[in-house]
Amino acid sequence: MTVVMDTFNLIKEHVTWADGIYPKLIPQEVPASQTSLLIRDAYSSLGSYGSNTFNSVAQNVVIQIYYSVDSDLDYDDVEIELMRFLTANGYTIADIKGRVLQSPEIPQDYQTIQVTRNKVIKEK
């Protein structure tokens, strides 16, 4: 399974405060009145070189939280809880972009969190 789908499946079983959780793309019909999480690939890098090959992959995933325009969530609380959950499940928080207003026409805040999962390659 891909790192995006692994992360999606992990988060969807845990997060109860989001109205929708989507891998790769949020459907256009999802309204701004819904709190949504988008999980997508960022980049990967190879590491742990030995015996003329790489032995690990650092897989980076971007998680974007689009808060409902009517949200009464405590953004800090849900973000910290999500990051602690991911850390407890083997991810490292690589970057937090800071909350941004999507556009003046749609007053929807969103947060971008980048996480890394290190995958050790096993010999076959």
Foldseek 3Di string as FASTA:
>chain_A
DDPQVVVQVLVVVPDDQFPEEEEPDDDPPDDLQGWYKYKYFDDKDFDDDDPNDTFKIKTKMKIKIWHRPPDPDPVVVVVVVVQVSVVVVAKAWDDKDDWDQPDPVRRIIMIMTMIIHMGTHDDD
